[in-house]
Amino acid sequence: MAQMFQRAVERGAVAGRWSTLAQLEDIAGTAPKPVEDKYLPPSAVQGSLFD
């Protein structure tokens, strides 16, 4: 997966799509949206994983 990302970044830079990290972030977007509570496991399950 990391190699695929590296190739995409390199090819985009060569093609002139971006030349700075700020431009890359603008194209790629920002951080993903938070996971909705309805998709999270109950807190007891989450806690048991890290006790």
Protein backbone atom coordinates (compact mmCIF):
# COMPACT_ATOMS: atom_id res chain seq x y z
CA MET A 1 0.00 0.00 0.00
CA ALA A 2 2.82 2.40 0.85
CA GLN A 3 4.51 1.75 -2.49
CA MET A 4 1.29 2.49 -4.32
CA PHE A 5 0.94 5.79 -2.45
CA GLN A 6 4.57 6.67 -3.15
CA ARG A 7 4.09 6.04 -6.88
CA ALA A 8 0.92 8.13 -6.97
CA VAL A 9 2.67 11.03 -5.23
CA GLU A 10 5.70 10.81 -7.53
CA ARG A 11 3.61 10.62 -10.70
CA GLY A 12 1.44 13.52 -9.61
CA ALA A 13 4.50 15.65 -8.92
CA VAL A 14 6.05 14.77 -12.30
CA ALA A 15 2.76 15.60 -14.03
CA GLY A 16 2.67 18.99 -12.28
CA ARG A 17 -0.41 18.27 -10.19
CA TRP A 18 1.43 19.44 -7.05
CA SER A 19 4.83 20.57 -5.90
CA THR A 20 4.24 21.17 -2.19
CA LEU A 21 2.72 19.19 0.65
CA ALA A 22 0.04 21.87 1.01
CA GLN A 23 -1.04 21.34 -2.60
CA LEU A 24 -1.06 17.57 -2.09
CA GLU A 25 -3.26 17.98 0.99
CA ASP A 26 -5.65 20.22 -0.95
CA ILE A 27 -6.02 17.56 -3.63
CA ALA A 28 -6.14 14.57 -1.27
CA GLY A 29 -8.36 16.20 1.31
CA THR A 30 -7.99 16.50 5.03
CA ALA A 31 -8.31 13.97 7.82
CA PRO A 32 -11.08 11.41 7.50
CA LYS A 33 -14.42 12.04 9.12
CA PRO A 34 -14.80 10.63 12.63
CA VAL A 35 -16.49 7.25 12.95
CA GLU A 36 -20.13 7.60 13.93
CA ASP A 37 -20.99 6.31 17.40
CA LYS A 38 -23.37 3.71 15.98
CA TYR A 39 -20.41 1.96 14.33
CA LEU A 40 -18.22 1.85 17.45
CA PRO A 41 -18.22 -1.17 19.78
CA PRO A 42 -19.70 -0.74 23.27
CA SER A 43 -17.24 0.87 25.68
CA ALA A 44 -16.94 -2.37 27.71
CA VAL A 45 -15.65 -4.17 24.62
CA GLN A 46 -13.24 -1.38 23.75
CA GLY A 47 -11.93 -1.27 27.32
CA SER A 48 -11.37 -5.02 27.44
CA LEU A 49 -9.08 -4.82 24.42
CA PHE A 50 -6.61 -2.52 26.16
CA ASP A 51 -6.71 -3.61 29.82
